[in-house]
Amino acid sequence: MDYFTTSTFRLSVASLTKKPKEGYSTLVSDVCKALQDMPDNILRDTNDRIKMFEEYRIVKLRVPNTGLKLAKANGFRLIYWVSMKQDIAVLLCVYPKRGPQGRIDISDEEYDRLLIEMIEESSAHSLHQIDIANSCAEITETASLSKE
């Protein structure tokens, strides 16, 4: 599976990991581990689907927060887009359920905004490809989902 990130995802990570005392310092490693441990078919067919279409799905994945020693239920929420036809996933947003920056959920309008942002950034070749096996290190900063 090839993984990409949007600017909203990258900003969320930067904001959450900026203050280590808040307990979000393990966010990147927790997200990478959750994605590495999950087979591609489960990434597509998890029960936490937000929006389902024939060609893609938007999914909310529960990720444990090892920094605060919280299980999946109280850890991070990773929102991602996954293609049903290609081995591509785009990380759209991440937020904690608990802690100083915790949120309960995001609105349907925000899901729509995240999808629009992903499409626009793909068209502008501004998605960043990452390597989840290497602590989500960036591979490229000028990626698009379209085959050229």
Protein backbone atom coordinates (compact mmCIF):
# COMPACT_ATOMS: atom_id res chain seq x y z
CA MET A 1 0.00 0.00 0.00
CA ASP A 2 1.26 3.50 -0.85
CA TYR A 3 0.50 6.13 1.80
CA PHE A 4 0.09 9.86 1.26
CA THR A 5 -0.71 12.78 3.58
CA THR A 6 -2.67 16.00 3.18
CA SER A 7 -1.69 19.35 4.62
CA THR A 8 -4.41 19.03 7.30
CA PHE A 9 -2.93 15.74 8.47
CA ARG A 10 0.58 17.19 8.59
CA LEU A 11 -0.63 20.27 10.50
CA SER A 12 -2.52 18.06 12.97
CA VAL A 13 0.62 16.02 13.64
CA ALA A 14 2.76 19.14 14.05
CA SER A 15 0.27 20.72 16.45
CA LEU A 16 -0.19 17.60 18.56
CA THR A 17 3.49 16.70 18.86
CA LYS A 18 4.67 20.26 19.53
CA LYS A 19 4.12 19.99 23.30
CA PRO A 20 5.44 16.64 24.57
CA LYS A 21 3.99 17.18 28.05
CA GLU A 22 0.46 16.84 26.62
CA GLY A 23 1.10 13.14 25.99
CA TYR A 24 0.90 13.09 22.18
CA SER A 25 4.62 12.62 21.48
CA THR A 26 4.09 9.02 20.34
CA LEU A 27 1.50 9.98 17.71
CA VAL A 28 3.66 9.32 14.65
CA SER A 29 4.96 5.95 15.85
CA ASP A 30 1.49 4.92 17.04
CA VAL A 31 -0.09 5.73 13.66
CA CYS A 32 2.71 4.01 11.71
CA LYS A 33 2.46 0.88 13.87
CA ALA A 34 -1.33 0.74 13.51
CA LEU A 35 -1.06 0.97 9.72
CA GLN A 36 1.82 -1.54 9.52
CA ASP A 37 -0.05 -4.07 11.64
CA MET A 38 -3.22 -3.91 9.56
CA PRO A 39 -3.55 -6.00 6.38
CA ASP A 40 -4.63 -4.05 3.27
CA ASN A 41 -8.00 -5.82 3.05
CA ILE A 42 -8.81 -4.83 6.66
CA LEU A 43 -7.73 -1.21 5.95
CA ARG A 44 -10.44 -1.16 3.29
CA ASP A 45 -13.12 -3.17 5.07
CA THR A 46 -12.89 -2.09 8.69
CA ASN A 47 -16.22 -1.56 10.46
CA ASP A 48 -15.47 2.11 11.10
CA ARG A 49 -16.30 3.26 7.58
CA ILE A 50 -17.55 6.85 7.46
CA LYS A 51 -18.42 7.08 3.77
CA MET A 52 -18.55 4.23 1.28
CA PHE A 53 -18.47 4.46 -2.47
CA GLU A 54 -17.67 1.91 -5.14
CA GLU A 55 -14.20 3.31 -5.83
CA TYR A 56 -13.15 4.56 -2.39
CA ARG A 57 -13.97 4.74 1.30
CA ILE A 58 -13.34 7.19 4.10
CA VAL A 59 -12.49 5.37 7.31
CA LYS A 60 -11.98 6.30 10.95
CA LEU A 61 -9.36 4.09 12.60
CA ARG A 62 -8.90 3.94 16.37
CA VAL A 63 -5.22 4.08 17.32
CA PRO A 64 -3.92 3.54 20.86
CA ASN A 65 -1.97 6.41 22.43
CA THR A 66 1.06 4.74 23.98
CA GLY A 67 2.30 8.12 25.27
CA LEU A 68 -0.63 8.37 27.68
CA LYS A 69 -1.00 4.58 27.94
CA LEU A 70 -4.50 4.77 26.46
CA ALA A 71 -6.19 1.93 24.59
CA LYS A 72 -7.77 2.35 21.16
CA ALA A 73 -11.08 3.54 22.61
CA ASN A 74 -9.46 6.59 24.23
CA GLY A 75 -6.46 7.13 21.94
CA PHE A 76 -6.19 8.81 18.56
CA ARG A 77 -8.66 8.87 15.68
CA LEU A 78 -7.05 8.58 12.24
CA ILE A 79 -9.27 9.58 9.32
CA TYR A 80 -8.10 8.24 5.97
CA TRP A 81 -9.26 7.80 2.38
CA VAL A 82 -8.58 4.42 0.77
CA SER A 83 -8.94 3.37 -2.86
CA MET A 84 -10.87 0.18 -3.59
CA LYS A 85 -9.06 -0.35 -6.93
CA GLN A 86 -5.48 0.75 -6.24
CA ASP A 87 -3.13 0.21 -3.31
CA ILE A 88 -3.38 3.83 -2.16
CA ALA A 89 -4.37 5.38 1.15
CA VAL A 90 -4.36 9.08 2.03
CA LEU A 91 -4.15 10.16 5.67
CA LEU A 92 -6.61 13.05 5.97
CA CYS A 93 -6.69 13.98 9.66
CA VAL A 94 -5.74 12.75 13.12
CA TYR A 95 -7.01 13.88 16.50
CA PRO A 96 -6.92 12.62 20.09
CA LYS A 97 -10.02 11.45 21.91
CA ARG A 98 -8.59 12.37 25.34
CA GLY A 99 -6.15 14.89 26.73
CA PRO A 100 -5.80 18.68 26.44
CA GLN A 101 -6.54 18.72 22.68
CA GLY A 102 -9.10 15.92 22.76
CA ARG A 103 -12.18 15.90 20.55
CA ILE A 104 -15.23 13.68 20.57
CA ASP A 105 -15.83 13.61 16.80
CA ILE A 106 -15.78 15.71 13.64
CA SER A 107 -18.80 16.86 11.66
CA ASP A 108 -20.06 15.60 8.30
CA GLU A 109 -19.12 18.99 6.84
CA GLU A 110 -15.54 18.51 8.01
CA TYR A 111 -15.39 15.06 6.38
CA ASP A 112 -16.55 16.68 3.13
CA ARG A 113 -13.95 19.43 3.50
CA LEU A 114 -11.20 16.85 4.06
CA LEU A 115 -12.23 14.99 0.90
CA ILE A 116 -12.28 18.18 -1.18
CA GLU A 117 -8.87 19.16 0.20
CA MET A 118 -7.43 15.76 -0.76
CA ILE A 119 -8.76 16.05 -4.32
CA GLU A 120 -7.39 19.59 -4.70
CA GLU A 121 -3.98 18.66 -3.28
CA SER A 122 -3.77 15.60 -5.53
CA SER A 123 -4.54 17.76 -8.57
CA ALA A 124 -1.90 20.27 -7.48
CA HIS A 125 0.64 17.46 -6.84
CA SER A 126 1.01 18.62 -3.23
CA LEU A 127 0.28 15.39 -1.38
CA HIS A 128 3.31 14.01 0.47
CA GLN A 129 4.11 10.32 0.08
CA ILE A 130 5.30 8.65 3.29
CA ASP A 131 7.00 5.41 4.27
CA ILE A 132 5.15 3.92 7.25
CA ALA A 133 7.84 1.30 7.78
CA ASN A 134 10.33 4.13 8.38
CA SER A 135 8.47 6.21 11.03
CA CYS A 136 6.28 7.85 8.38
CA ALA A 137 9.31 9.52 6.79
CA GLU A 138 8.45 11.54 3.70
CA ILE A 139 9.40 9.99 0.38
CA THR A 140 8.27 12.88 -1.80
CA GLU A 141 6.55 16.24 -1.40
CA THR A 142 5.08 16.45 -4.90
CA ALA A 143 2.77 13.51 -5.24
CA SER A 144 -0.53 13.06 -7.05
CA LEU A 145 -2.93 10.13 -6.98
CA SER A 146 -3.39 10.18 -10.76
CA LYS A 147 -1.27 7.91 -12.90
CA GLU A 148 0.90 9.98 -15.23
